[in-house]
Amino acid sequence: MRIIFMGTPDYAVPTLRALSAAGHEIAAVYSQPPRPAGRRGLETLPSPVHRAADELGLPVRTPKSLRPPEEVERFAACQADAAVVVAYGLLLPETILGATRLGAWNGHASLLPRWRGAAPIQRAIMAGDRETGVMIMKMDKGLDTGPVALESRMEIPADITAGELHDRLSAETARLMVEAMARLAEGSLPVAPQPEEGVTYAAKVDKAETRIDFARPARAVHDHVRGLSPFPGAWTELPLGGERQRVKVTRSEVTREEGVIAAPGTVLDDRLEIACAEGAVRFLELQKAGGKLLDLDAFLRGASVPRGTVLD
């Protein structure tokens, strides 16, 4: 088919490549505009999808908005059979949704209607979900409210990070979207409305919620750490070099699941086992501000947090 592809981050790149490899004609690639890069922001960096499209020799468009009539006309002039949307980052107005012959189809990384919105992978892990997946949805004017065509379910392992799950779901989105477009071309892609119950929203993670709270159970603390790994990263303050320093934590483990062991935040040994409201966790990967990401052994060679220290 003749397709318009719309996506921006790394997550969307495998789908663009898979659709191109499957023989679809990519009439245009839409991505968000290049962003300031470098320490001073004097340079601009095209999005990962933009760069992939350039490699594939595909035309790229980066409008700030799709609402102006001239942008709608330009979109419609592609005369595409369908639009494929994966993590594009802009809401599509109804004029765009209706501007292709077969509509716009979104690859979403959750089991809708759970985790509609911007951060479904992080929110699923942070909430302790045991299962997630990918759904191919025909888009309507709502936020991830359209009818679902295909789904693929996936277990969330107890120690997987958001970054690792991101990569698995990205690959599965590509596979499932290729199947969806093949069935759409054949006229054999049925859709069904989403359930009305079980709706949750995956709001973008705010920096204010990234600090580790030891007044929660150990499992919740662990889920918080891995759900924010590698970005933006959960953090706490450790007493290092005579002062409290902010340290990012990207990997942890639950060492004790139940029971009140000590006051929340109490360091229980010399290897950063820390008491929570129930149970305890141990940090396994840490990074000082401006430093390298280190495993626990490497971190402790240059730092010491004595047993009995109480972290906020």
Protein backbone atom coordinates (compact mmCIF):
# COMPACT_ATOMS: atom_id res chain seq x y z
CA MET A 1 0.00 0.00 0.00
CA ARG A 2 0.88 3.66 -0.15
CA ILE A 3 1.49 4.75 3.45
CA ILE A 4 2.27 7.91 5.36
CA PHE A 5 4.42 7.07 8.39
CA MET A 6 4.29 9.28 11.49
CA GLY A 7 6.73 8.78 14.37
CA THR A 8 9.53 10.45 16.29
CA PRO A 9 11.62 8.47 18.86
CA ASP A 10 13.73 5.32 18.69
CA TYR A 11 10.68 3.25 19.56
CA ALA A 12 9.13 3.95 16.14
CA VAL A 13 12.20 3.25 13.98
CA PRO A 14 11.80 -0.56 13.69
CA THR A 15 8.23 -0.12 12.44
CA LEU A 16 9.30 2.33 9.74
CA ARG A 17 12.07 0.00 8.61
CA ALA A 18 9.78 -3.06 8.68
CA LEU A 19 7.06 -1.40 6.60
CA SER A 20 9.62 -0.30 4.03
CA ALA A 21 11.18 -3.79 3.93
CA ALA A 22 7.70 -5.32 3.49
CA GLY A 23 7.36 -3.48 0.17
CA HIS A 24 4.96 -0.71 1.13
CA GLU A 25 5.44 2.62 -0.60
CA ILE A 26 6.19 5.25 2.04
CA ALA A 27 4.77 8.43 0.52
CA ALA A 28 6.07 10.65 3.32
CA VAL A 29 7.49 10.42 6.82
CA TYR A 30 6.22 12.87 9.42
CA SER A 31 8.29 13.50 12.53
CA GLN A 32 8.59 16.22 15.14
CA PRO A 33 10.94 19.08 14.27
CA PRO A 34 14.66 18.82 15.05
CA ARG A 35 15.43 19.73 18.66
CA PRO A 36 18.27 21.82 20.11
CA ALA A 37 21.27 19.64 20.93
CA GLY A 38 24.61 20.04 22.64
CA ARG A 39 25.34 21.78 25.91
CA ARG A 40 24.50 25.22 24.57
CA GLY A 41 21.65 24.11 22.33
CA LEU A 42 23.20 25.86 19.35
CA GLU A 43 22.84 22.83 17.07
CA THR A 44 19.69 20.99 16.12
CA LEU A 45 19.33 17.23 16.00
CA PRO A 46 16.78 15.43 13.81
CA SER A 47 14.67 12.79 15.54
CA PRO A 48 15.62 9.10 15.32
CA VAL A 49 12.77 8.52 12.84
CA HIS A 50 13.92 11.48 10.75
CA ARG A 51 17.44 10.06 10.59
CA ALA A 52 16.16 6.58 9.69
CA ALA A 53 14.00 8.04 6.93
CA ASP A 54 17.01 9.88 5.52
CA GLU A 55 18.94 6.59 5.47
CA LEU A 56 16.07 4.96 3.58
CA GLY A 57 15.86 7.85 1.12
CA LEU A 58 12.33 8.79 2.18
CA PRO A 59 10.89 12.33 2.14
CA VAL A 60 10.56 13.81 5.64
CA ARG A 61 8.19 16.51 6.86
CA THR A 62 8.47 18.16 10.28
CA PRO A 63 5.55 20.57 10.81
CA LYS A 64 5.04 22.01 14.28
CA SER A 65 1.29 21.52 13.88
CA LEU A 66 -1.03 19.63 11.55
CA ARG A 67 -3.98 21.96 12.10
CA PRO A 68 -3.27 24.69 9.50
CA PRO A 69 -5.32 24.13 6.31
CA GLU A 70 -2.19 24.16 4.18
CA GLU A 71 -0.74 21.26 6.19
CA VAL A 72 -3.96 19.29 5.82
CA GLU A 73 -3.92 19.89 2.07
CA ARG A 74 -0.29 18.83 1.84
CA PHE A 75 -1.03 15.67 3.82
CA ALA A 76 -4.06 14.79 1.69
CA ALA A 77 -2.08 15.44 -1.51
CA CYS A 78 0.01 12.34 -0.74
CA GLN A 79 -3.08 10.30 -1.72
CA ALA A 80 -2.09 7.61 0.75
CA ASP A 81 -4.09 4.47 1.46
CA ALA A 82 -3.37 4.70 5.19
CA ALA A 83 -1.36 6.51 7.83
CA VAL A 84 0.71 4.55 10.36
CA VAL A 85 1.38 6.34 13.66
CA VAL A 86 3.88 5.16 16.27
CA ALA A 87 4.86 7.54 19.08
CA TYR A 88 4.53 10.61 16.89
CA GLY A 89 3.94 12.99 19.77
CA LEU A 90 1.26 15.22 18.25
CA LEU A 91 -2.50 14.73 18.39
CA LEU A 92 -3.96 14.31 14.94
CA PRO A 93 -6.93 16.55 14.10
CA GLU A 94 -9.99 14.95 12.51
CA THR A 95 -9.07 16.54 9.20
CA ILE A 96 -5.87 14.45 9.17
CA LEU A 97 -7.55 11.29 10.49
CA GLY A 98 -9.92 11.38 7.52
CA ALA A 99 -7.35 12.34 4.89
CA THR A 100 -6.37 8.80 3.81
CA ARG A 101 -8.49 6.16 2.14
CA LEU A 102 -8.35 3.64 5.01
CA GLY A 103 -7.68 5.84 8.02
CA ALA A 104 -4.87 6.22 10.56
CA TRP A 105 -3.54 3.22 12.50
CA ASN A 106 -1.60 3.48 15.73
CA GLY A 107 0.80 1.02 17.35
CA HIS A 108 0.40 1.50 21.10
CA ALA A 109 2.53 -0.15 23.81
CA SER A 110 -0.13 -1.24 26.29
CA LEU A 111 -3.18 -3.45 26.61
CA LEU A 112 -5.81 -0.79 25.99
CA PRO A 113 -7.80 0.67 27.62
CA ARG A 114 -5.14 0.35 30.34
CA TRP A 115 -2.43 3.00 30.05
CA ARG A 116 -3.72 5.33 27.40
CA GLY A 117 -1.37 8.23 26.93
CA ALA A 118 2.28 9.19 26.74
CA ALA A 119 4.22 6.81 29.02
CA PRO A 120 2.57 3.36 28.99
CA ILE A 121 5.79 1.35 29.36
CA GLN A 122 7.07 3.26 32.39
CA ARG A 123 3.66 3.40 34.05
CA ALA A 124 3.02 -0.32 33.63
CA ILE A 125 6.28 -1.21 35.38
CA MET A 126 5.90 1.45 38.07
CA ALA A 127 2.44 0.08 38.86
CA GLY A 128 3.77 -3.46 39.19
CA ASP A 129 1.81 -4.84 36.22
CA ARG A 130 2.62 -8.45 35.34
CA GLU A 131 1.52 -8.20 31.71
CA THR A 132 1.61 -5.68 28.88
CA GLY A 133 1.60 -5.82 25.12
CA VAL A 134 1.04 -4.04 21.83
CA MET A 135 -2.26 -3.07 20.24
CA ILE A 136 -2.91 -1.86 16.72
CA MET A 137 -5.75 0.64 16.93
CA LYS A 138 -7.69 2.62 14.36
CA MET A 139 -7.36 6.19 15.53
CA ASP A 140 -10.25 8.49 16.32
CA LYS A 141 -10.36 11.99 17.80
CA GLY A 142 -9.87 10.77 21.39
CA LEU A 143 -6.65 9.97 23.22
CA ASP A 144 -6.00 6.28 22.41
CA THR A 145 -9.75 5.57 22.40
CA GLY A 146 -10.19 4.02 18.96
CA PRO A 147 -11.23 0.45 18.15
CA VAL A 148 -8.57 -2.24 18.32
CA ALA A 149 -7.64 -4.47 15.38
CA LEU A 150 -4.76 -6.67 16.59
CA GLU A 151 -3.08 -7.33 19.92
CA SER A 152 -0.01 -9.14 21.20
CA ARG A 153 0.43 -9.87 24.91
CA MET A 154 3.73 -10.04 26.74
CA GLU A 155 4.77 -10.93 30.30
CA ILE A 156 6.61 -8.26 32.27
CA PRO A 157 9.49 -10.05 34.06
CA ALA A 158 9.95 -9.04 37.69
CA ASP A 159 13.35 -7.40 37.16
CA ILE A 160 13.10 -5.97 33.64
CA THR A 161 13.74 -2.24 33.25
CA ALA A 162 11.66 0.17 31.21
CA GLY A 163 14.49 0.43 28.69
CA GLU A 164 14.65 -3.32 28.19
CA LEU A 165 10.87 -3.65 27.88
CA HIS A 166 10.85 -0.70 25.48
CA ASP A 167 13.10 -2.61 23.08
CA ARG A 168 10.99 -5.77 23.20
CA LEU A 169 7.75 -3.88 22.63
CA SER A 170 9.29 -1.79 19.86
CA ALA A 171 10.24 -4.93 17.92
CA GLU A 172 6.79 -6.43 18.51
CA THR A 173 5.08 -3.24 17.35
CA ALA A 174 6.97 -3.48 14.07
CA ARG A 175 6.00 -7.11 13.56
CA LEU A 176 2.35 -6.56 14.42
CA MET A 177 2.00 -3.42 12.29
CA VAL A 178 3.35 -5.23 9.22
CA GLU A 179 0.72 -7.92 9.80
CA ALA A 180 -1.98 -5.29 10.27
CA MET A 181 -1.14 -3.48 7.04
CA ALA A 182 -1.07 -6.73 5.09
CA ARG A 183 -4.53 -7.63 6.39
CA LEU A 184 -5.79 -4.10 5.81
CA ALA A 185 -4.68 -4.32 2.19
CA GLU A 186 -6.58 -7.61 1.87
CA GLY A 187 -9.70 -6.18 3.51
CA SER A 188 -9.47 -8.72 6.35
CA LEU A 189 -8.59 -6.49 9.30
CA PRO A 190 -11.56 -6.41 11.72
CA VAL A 191 -11.82 -3.90 14.54
CA ALA A 192 -13.60 -4.07 17.88
CA PRO A 193 -14.33 -1.29 20.38
CA GLN A 194 -12.24 -1.06 23.52
CA PRO A 195 -13.83 -2.16 26.82
CA GLU A 196 -15.43 0.66 28.75
CA GLU A 197 -14.01 -0.60 32.05
CA GLY A 198 -10.39 -0.59 33.14
CA VAL A 199 -9.38 2.76 31.65
CA THR A 200 -6.15 4.22 33.08
CA TYR A 201 -3.95 7.05 31.84
CA ALA A 202 -0.18 6.98 31.48
CA ALA A 203 0.81 10.57 32.12
CA LYS A 204 4.29 11.67 31.16
CA VAL A 205 6.68 11.13 34.07
CA ASP A 206 7.30 14.34 36.00
CA LYS A 207 10.72 14.96 37.55
CA ALA A 208 9.00 15.64 40.86
CA GLU A 209 8.02 11.96 41.17
CA THR A 210 11.42 10.45 40.47
CA ARG A 211 12.82 10.57 44.02
CA ILE A 212 12.88 7.17 45.76
CA ASP A 213 10.45 6.92 48.67
CA PHE A 214 11.55 4.28 51.18
CA ALA A 215 8.24 4.66 53.04
CA ARG A 216 6.78 2.32 50.43
CA PRO A 217 7.03 -1.50 50.33
CA ALA A 218 10.21 -2.95 48.86
CA ARG A 219 8.47 -4.25 45.77
CA ALA A 220 7.03 -0.81 45.02
CA VAL A 221 10.45 0.81 45.45
CA HIS A 222 11.98 -1.76 43.11
CA ASP A 223 9.25 -1.19 40.52
CA HIS A 224 9.82 2.56 40.80
CA VAL A 225 13.54 2.17 40.11
CA ARG A 226 13.18 -0.15 37.13
CA GLY A 227 10.22 1.77 35.71
CA LEU A 228 12.37 4.91 35.49
CA SER A 229 15.46 3.16 34.14
CA PRO A 230 17.35 4.36 32.19
CA PHE A 231 15.48 7.66 31.83
CA PRO A 232 14.80 9.90 33.63
CA GLY A 233 16.14 7.72 36.45
CA ALA A 234 15.08 7.25 40.04
CA TRP A 235 17.34 8.89 42.61
CA THR A 236 18.17 9.35 46.26
CA GLU A 237 20.75 11.25 48.27
CA LEU A 238 23.71 9.39 49.78
CA PRO A 239 26.25 10.75 52.29
CA LEU A 240 29.44 10.75 50.22
CA GLY A 241 32.64 12.70 50.90
CA GLY A 242 31.17 14.44 53.89
CA GLU A 243 28.08 15.73 52.10
CA ARG A 244 24.82 14.39 50.75
CA GLN A 245 25.03 13.85 47.03
CA ARG A 246 22.28 13.04 44.58
CA VAL A 247 22.77 9.57 43.10
CA LYS A 248 20.77 8.05 40.25
CA VAL A 249 19.77 4.40 40.64
CA THR A 250 19.06 2.39 37.50
CA ARG A 251 18.87 -1.16 38.82
CA SER A 252 17.88 -2.73 42.13
CA GLU A 253 16.73 -6.00 43.67
CA VAL A 254 14.26 -6.94 46.35
CA THR A 255 16.26 -8.66 49.10
CA ARG A 256 13.40 -9.10 51.56
CA GLU A 257 9.77 -8.99 50.53
CA GLU A 258 7.92 -8.73 53.83
CA GLY A 259 8.24 -7.58 57.40
CA VAL A 260 9.25 -4.33 59.08
CA ILE A 261 13.03 -4.62 59.47
CA ALA A 262 14.01 -1.10 60.50
CA ALA A 263 12.91 2.48 59.97
CA PRO A 264 12.37 3.14 56.25
CA GLY A 265 15.60 4.35 54.64
CA THR A 266 17.92 2.63 57.12
CA VAL A 267 21.05 1.16 55.53
CA LEU A 268 21.18 -2.43 56.76
CA ASP A 269 24.67 -3.53 55.69
CA ASP A 270 27.82 -2.34 53.93
CA ARG A 271 26.43 -3.17 50.47
CA LEU A 272 23.52 -0.76 50.27
CA GLU A 273 20.70 -2.98 51.44
CA ILE A 274 18.06 -0.48 52.54
CA ALA A 275 14.95 -0.99 54.65
CA CYS A 276 11.59 -0.01 53.22
CA ALA A 277 8.17 0.22 54.86
CA GLU A 278 8.02 -3.54 54.33
CA GLY A 279 11.04 -5.59 53.31
CA ALA A 280 14.26 -4.21 51.84
CA VAL A 281 15.98 -3.46 48.55
CA ARG A 282 19.57 -3.34 47.37
CA PHE A 283 20.87 -0.93 44.74
CA LEU A 284 22.79 -2.66 41.94
CA GLU A 285 23.65 0.16 39.49
CA LEU A 286 24.32 3.74 40.54
CA GLN A 287 25.55 6.97 39.03
CA LYS A 288 26.80 10.10 40.75
CA ALA A 289 25.97 13.43 39.16
CA GLY A 290 28.40 13.91 36.28
CA GLY A 291 29.88 10.44 36.77
CA LYS A 292 29.71 7.10 34.99
CA LEU A 293 27.08 4.46 35.61
CA LEU A 294 28.68 1.83 37.87
CA ASP A 295 27.70 -1.56 39.18
CA LEU A 296 27.50 -1.90 42.95
CA ASP A 297 31.01 -3.29 43.44
CA ALA A 298 32.63 -0.54 41.36
CA PHE A 299 30.56 2.13 43.12
CA LEU A 300 31.55 0.91 46.58
CA ARG A 301 35.25 0.97 45.68
CA GLY A 302 34.99 4.74 45.59
CA ALA A 303 32.28 5.32 48.17
CA SER A 304 31.12 4.01 51.51
CA VAL A 305 27.69 4.30 53.12
CA PRO A 306 27.94 2.91 56.66
CA ARG A 307 25.41 0.54 58.16
CA GLY A 308 22.87 2.42 60.26
CA THR A 309 22.80 5.49 58.01
CA VAL A 310 19.22 6.69 57.49
CA LEU A 311 18.32 7.99 54.04
CA ASP A 312 15.46 10.42 53.54
